[in-house]
Amino acid sequence: MTRMIHVFERTTHEAHEWVNHLAGRTGWGNEREVLHLLRTVLAQIRDHLPLDEMAQFSAQLPIMLRGMFFEGWQPKKTPVRERHAADFVAAVDKEVGDVIDYRGVEDIKAVFAVINARISRGEVEDVRACLPQELRDLWAAP
C-alpha cells in the first residue's frame, strides 16, 4: 500500500512540475488556468494524431496528465480532418479565451516548449511529423 501511495505522490509531483514549468513560461499566476491551458492544448494535439502515435506520446506523460489527455476523447472523431493552424488555435481560444492572461498563439507555443523540454526529442519529432505543416510551423523543433 505504501508503494501505491508513493506512485500517486510521484505522479502528482510530476504533473505539478509540468504546470509550474508552463506557469513560468506564460507568466500566469493561477495554476488552475495553467492546467486548463495545458489540458486544452494536449487534447488538440491528441485529436490530430493517429492512434499509434497518440499512445506513444501519452506514454511519456505523467500518469495524471495522461488521464487528462484521454479525458473526453472520442475515437470516431480522430484524427481530425482540419489541417490549418488557425483551426487549432481557434479551438484552444474557444476553451481558454476567457482567461484574462491568455495571449493566444504565444501561450500555445509555451505549451509546445514545455512538451519539447519534457518529452523525448524523438517522440516530439514523431508527433510533429503527424501534424500539418502549418502546425509544425507553430511548434518549434526540439
C-alpha atoms as a PDB file:
ATOM      1  CA  MET A   1       0.000   0.000   0.000  1.00  0.00           C
ATOM      2  CA  THR A   2       2.838   2.392   0.791  1.00  0.00           C
ATOM      3  CA  ARG A   3       4.310   1.768  -2.649  1.00  0.00           C
ATOM      4  CA  MET A   4       0.960   2.639  -4.267  1.00  0.00           C
ATOM      5  CA  ILE A   5       0.743   5.886  -2.309  1.00  0.00           C
ATOM      6  CA  HIS A   6       4.271   6.715  -3.459  1.00  0.00           C
ATOM      7  CA  VAL A   7       3.168   6.286  -7.099  1.00  0.00           C
ATOM      8  CA  PHE A   8       0.313   8.741  -6.558  1.00  0.00           C
ATOM      9  CA  GLU A   9       2.611  11.234  -4.855  1.00  0.00           C
ATOM     10  CA  ARG A  10       5.213  10.947  -7.606  1.00  0.00           C
ATOM     11  CA  THR A  11       2.750  11.421 -10.460  1.00  0.00           C
ATOM     12  CA  THR A  12       1.139  14.359  -8.679  1.00  0.00           C
ATOM     13  CA  HIS A  13       4.585  15.884  -8.246  1.00  0.00           C
ATOM     14  CA  GLU A  14       5.473  15.292 -11.917  1.00  0.00           C
ATOM     15  CA  ALA A  15       2.214  16.861 -13.122  1.00  0.00           C
ATOM     16  CA  HIS A  16       2.809  19.819 -10.822  1.00  0.00           C
ATOM     17  CA  GLU A  17       6.302  20.239 -12.327  1.00  0.00           C
ATOM     18  CA  TRP A  18       4.722  20.497 -15.793  1.00  0.00           C
ATOM     19  CA  VAL A  19       2.237  23.096 -14.517  1.00  0.00           C
ATOM     20  CA  ASN A  20       4.997  25.086 -12.802  1.00  0.00           C
ATOM     21  CA  HIS A  21       7.149  24.948 -15.924  1.00  0.00           C
ATOM     22  CA  LEU A  22       4.269  26.223 -18.047  1.00  0.00           C
ATOM     23  CA  ALA A  23       3.374  28.897 -15.481  1.00  0.00           C
ATOM     24  CA  GLY A  24       6.945  30.139 -15.698  1.00  0.00           C
ATOM     25  CA  ARG A  25       6.759  30.314 -19.496  1.00  0.00           C
ATOM     26  CA  THR A  26       3.366  32.048 -19.605  1.00  0.00           C
ATOM     27  CA  GLY A  27       3.776  34.218 -16.526  1.00  0.00           C
ATOM     28  CA  TRP A  28       0.340  33.158 -15.332  1.00  0.00           C
ATOM     29  CA  GLY A  29      -0.205  33.064 -11.568  1.00  0.00           C
ATOM     30  CA  ASN A  30      -3.312  30.888 -11.459  1.00  0.00           C
ATOM     31  CA  GLU A  31      -2.317  27.200 -11.534  1.00  0.00           C
ATOM     32  CA  ARG A  32      -5.851  26.091 -12.384  1.00  0.00           C
ATOM     33  CA  GLU A  33      -5.814  28.242 -15.515  1.00  0.00           C
ATOM     34  CA  VAL A  34      -2.325  26.996 -16.427  1.00  0.00           C
ATOM     35  CA  LEU A  35      -3.523  23.402 -16.108  1.00  0.00           C
ATOM     36  CA  HIS A  36      -6.587  24.248 -18.205  1.00  0.00           C
ATOM     37  CA  LEU A  37      -4.342  25.618 -20.978  1.00  0.00           C
ATOM     38  CA  LEU A  38      -2.111  22.543 -20.807  1.00  0.00           C
ATOM     39  CA  ARG A  39      -5.061  20.135 -20.930  1.00  0.00           C
ATOM     40  CA  THR A  40      -6.666  22.008 -23.813  1.00  0.00           C
ATOM     41  CA  VAL A  41      -3.543  22.050 -25.987  1.00  0.00           C
ATOM     42  CA  LEU A  42      -2.791  18.395 -25.180  1.00  0.00           C
ATOM     43  CA  ALA A  43      -6.340  17.462 -26.207  1.00  0.00           C
ATOM     44  CA  GLN A  44      -5.948  19.339 -29.501  1.00  0.00           C
ATOM     45  CA  ILE A  45      -2.666  17.558 -30.170  1.00  0.00           C
ATOM     46  CA  ARG A  46      -4.305  14.227 -29.290  1.00  0.00           C
ATOM     47  CA  ASP A  47      -7.131  14.811 -31.725  1.00  0.00           C
ATOM     48  CA  HIS A  48      -4.648  15.341 -34.572  1.00  0.00           C
ATOM     49  CA  LEU A  49      -2.710  12.112 -34.018  1.00  0.00           C
ATOM     50  CA  PRO A  50      -3.196   8.610 -35.362  1.00  0.00           C
ATOM     51  CA  LEU A  51      -3.897   6.062 -32.638  1.00  0.00           C
ATOM     52  CA  ASP A  52      -0.406   4.539 -32.518  1.00  0.00           C
ATOM     53  CA  GLU A  53       1.301   7.905 -32.202  1.00  0.00           C
ATOM     54  CA  MET A  54      -1.236   9.064 -29.638  1.00  0.00           C
ATOM     55  CA  ALA A  55      -0.415   6.036 -27.472  1.00  0.00           C
ATOM     56  CA  GLN A  56       3.345   6.531 -27.807  1.00  0.00           C
ATOM     57  CA  PHE A  57       3.101  10.223 -26.946  1.00  0.00           C
ATOM     58  CA  SER A  58       0.817   9.674 -23.979  1.00  0.00           C
ATOM     59  CA  ALA A  59       3.164   7.034 -22.541  1.00  0.00           C
ATOM     60  CA  GLN A  60       5.681   9.803 -21.836  1.00  0.00           C
ATOM     61  CA  LEU A  61       3.210  11.993 -19.952  1.00  0.00           C
ATOM     62  CA  PRO A  62       2.952  11.812 -16.162  1.00  0.00           C
ATOM     63  CA  ILE A  63       0.135   9.413 -15.264  1.00  0.00           C
ATOM     64  CA  MET A  64      -2.132  12.221 -14.064  1.00  0.00           C
ATOM     65  CA  LEU A  65      -1.667  14.199 -17.287  1.00  0.00           C
ATOM     66  CA  ARG A  66      -2.116  11.018 -19.311  1.00  0.00           C
ATOM     67  CA  GLY A  67      -5.549  10.601 -17.741  1.00  0.00           C
ATOM     68  CA  MET A  68      -6.408  14.180 -18.639  1.00  0.00           C
ATOM     69  CA  PHE A  69      -5.022  13.613 -22.135  1.00  0.00           C
ATOM     70  CA  PHE A  70      -7.595  10.879 -22.780  1.00  0.00           C
ATOM     71  CA  GLU A  71     -10.467  12.533 -20.911  1.00  0.00           C
ATOM     72  CA  GLY A  72     -13.263  13.297 -23.361  1.00  0.00           C
ATOM     73  CA  TRP A  73     -11.535  11.525 -26.251  1.00  0.00           C
ATOM     74  CA  GLN A  74     -13.926  10.337 -28.956  1.00  0.00           C
ATOM     75  CA  PRO A  75     -12.057   7.818 -31.129  1.00  0.00           C
ATOM     76  CA  LYS A  76     -14.548   8.072 -34.007  1.00  0.00           C
ATOM     77  CA  LYS A  77     -13.767  11.785 -34.337  1.00  0.00           C
ATOM     78  CA  THR A  78      -9.991  11.422 -34.530  1.00  0.00           C
ATOM     79  CA  PRO A  79      -7.749  12.235 -36.137  1.00  0.00           C
ATOM     80  CA  VAL A  80      -9.486  15.471 -37.042  1.00  0.00           C
ATOM     81  CA  ARG A  81      -9.734  16.439 -40.684  1.00  0.00           C
ATOM     82  CA  GLU A  82      -8.945  20.134 -40.337  1.00  0.00           C
ATOM     83  CA  ARG A  83      -5.429  20.859 -41.407  1.00  0.00           C
ATOM     84  CA  HIS A  84      -4.992  24.544 -40.578  1.00  0.00           C
ATOM     85  CA  ALA A  85      -3.175  26.119 -37.657  1.00  0.00           C
ATOM     86  CA  ALA A  86      -5.926  28.746 -37.412  1.00  0.00           C
ATOM     87  CA  ASP A  87      -8.459  25.996 -36.614  1.00  0.00           C
ATOM     88  CA  PHE A  88      -6.177  24.537 -33.926  1.00  0.00           C
ATOM     89  CA  VAL A  89      -5.693  27.981 -32.379  1.00  0.00           C
ATOM     90  CA  ALA A  90      -9.422  28.744 -32.591  1.00  0.00           C
ATOM     91  CA  ALA A  91     -10.242  25.511 -30.750  1.00  0.00           C
ATOM     92  CA  VAL A  92      -7.839  26.451 -27.948  1.00  0.00           C
ATOM     93  CA  ASP A  93      -9.154  30.035 -27.932  1.00  0.00           C
ATOM     94  CA  LYS A  94     -12.696  28.717 -27.503  1.00  0.00           C
ATOM     95  CA  GLU A  95     -11.691  26.820 -24.347  1.00  0.00           C
ATOM     96  CA  VAL A  96      -9.146  29.208 -22.831  1.00  0.00           C
ATOM     97  CA  GLY A  97     -10.012  32.584 -24.341  1.00  0.00           C
ATOM     98  CA  ASP A  98     -11.836  33.793 -21.241  1.00  0.00           C
ATOM     99  CA  VAL A  99      -8.630  33.637 -19.171  1.00  0.00           C
ATOM    100  CA  ILE A 100      -7.528  37.226 -18.625  1.00  0.00           C
ATOM    101  CA  ASP A 101      -3.826  36.478 -19.149  1.00  0.00           C
ATOM    102  CA  TYR A 102      -4.323  34.371 -22.294  1.00  0.00           C
ATOM    103  CA  ARG A 103      -2.267  35.606 -25.272  1.00  0.00           C
ATOM    104  CA  GLY A 104      -3.324  33.114 -27.933  1.00  0.00           C
ATOM    105  CA  VAL A 105      -0.560  31.679 -30.100  1.00  0.00           C
ATOM    106  CA  GLU A 106       2.147  32.861 -27.695  1.00  0.00           C
ATOM    107  CA  ASP A 107       0.710  30.711 -24.885  1.00  0.00           C
ATOM    108  CA  ILE A 108       0.105  27.745 -27.190  1.00  0.00           C
ATOM    109  CA  LYS A 109       3.768  27.948 -28.183  1.00  0.00           C
ATOM    110  CA  ALA A 110       4.653  27.960 -24.477  1.00  0.00           C
ATOM    111  CA  VAL A 111       2.878  24.595 -24.118  1.00  0.00           C
ATOM    112  CA  PHE A 112       4.814  23.264 -27.105  1.00  0.00           C
ATOM    113  CA  ALA A 113       8.064  24.437 -25.482  1.00  0.00           C
ATOM    114  CA  VAL A 114       7.214  22.616 -22.245  1.00  0.00           C
ATOM    115  CA  ILE A 115       6.463  19.448 -24.213  1.00  0.00           C
ATOM    116  CA  ASN A 116       9.796  19.825 -26.026  1.00  0.00           C
ATOM    117  CA  ALA A 117      11.566  20.069 -22.674  1.00  0.00           C
ATOM    118  CA  ARG A 118       9.777  17.162 -21.008  1.00  0.00           C
ATOM    119  CA  ILE A 119       9.201  14.572 -23.753  1.00  0.00           C
ATOM    120  CA  SER A 120      11.970  12.792 -25.618  1.00  0.00           C
ATOM    121  CA  ARG A 121      13.233  14.559 -28.722  1.00  0.00           C
ATOM    122  CA  GLY A 122      12.414  11.547 -30.901  1.00  0.00           C
ATOM    123  CA  GLU A 123       8.820  11.416 -29.710  1.00  0.00           C
ATOM    124  CA  VAL A 124       8.321  15.145 -30.216  1.00  0.00           C
ATOM    125  CA  GLU A 125       9.682  14.795 -33.735  1.00  0.00           C
ATOM    126  CA  ASP A 126       7.321  11.859 -34.391  1.00  0.00           C
ATOM    127  CA  VAL A 127       4.320  13.824 -33.116  1.00  0.00           C
ATOM    128  CA  ARG A 128       5.241  16.925 -35.110  1.00  0.00           C
ATOM    129  CA  ALA A 129       5.637  14.767 -38.241  1.00  0.00           C
ATOM    130  CA  CYS A 130       1.970  13.719 -37.888  1.00  0.00           C
ATOM    131  CA  LEU A 131       0.774  17.319 -37.867  1.00  0.00           C
ATOM    132  CA  PRO A 132       0.049  19.523 -40.865  1.00  0.00           C
ATOM    133  CA  GLN A 133       2.847  21.866 -41.902  1.00  0.00           C
ATOM    134  CA  GLU A 134       1.042  24.939 -40.532  1.00  0.00           C
ATOM    135  CA  LEU A 135       1.029  23.397 -37.047  1.00  0.00           C
ATOM    136  CA  ARG A 136       4.644  22.293 -37.326  1.00  0.00           C
ATOM    137  CA  ASP A 137       5.458  25.900 -38.146  1.00  0.00           C
ATOM    138  CA  LEU A 138       3.903  26.946 -34.798  1.00  0.00           C
ATOM    139  CA  TRP A 139       5.641  24.178 -32.840  1.00  0.00           C
ATOM    140  CA  ALA A 140       9.394  24.752 -32.895  1.00  0.00           C
ATOM    141  CA  ALA A 141      11.549  21.662 -33.369  1.00  0.00           C
ATOM    142  CA  PRO A 142      13.054  20.340 -30.111  1.00  0.00           C
END
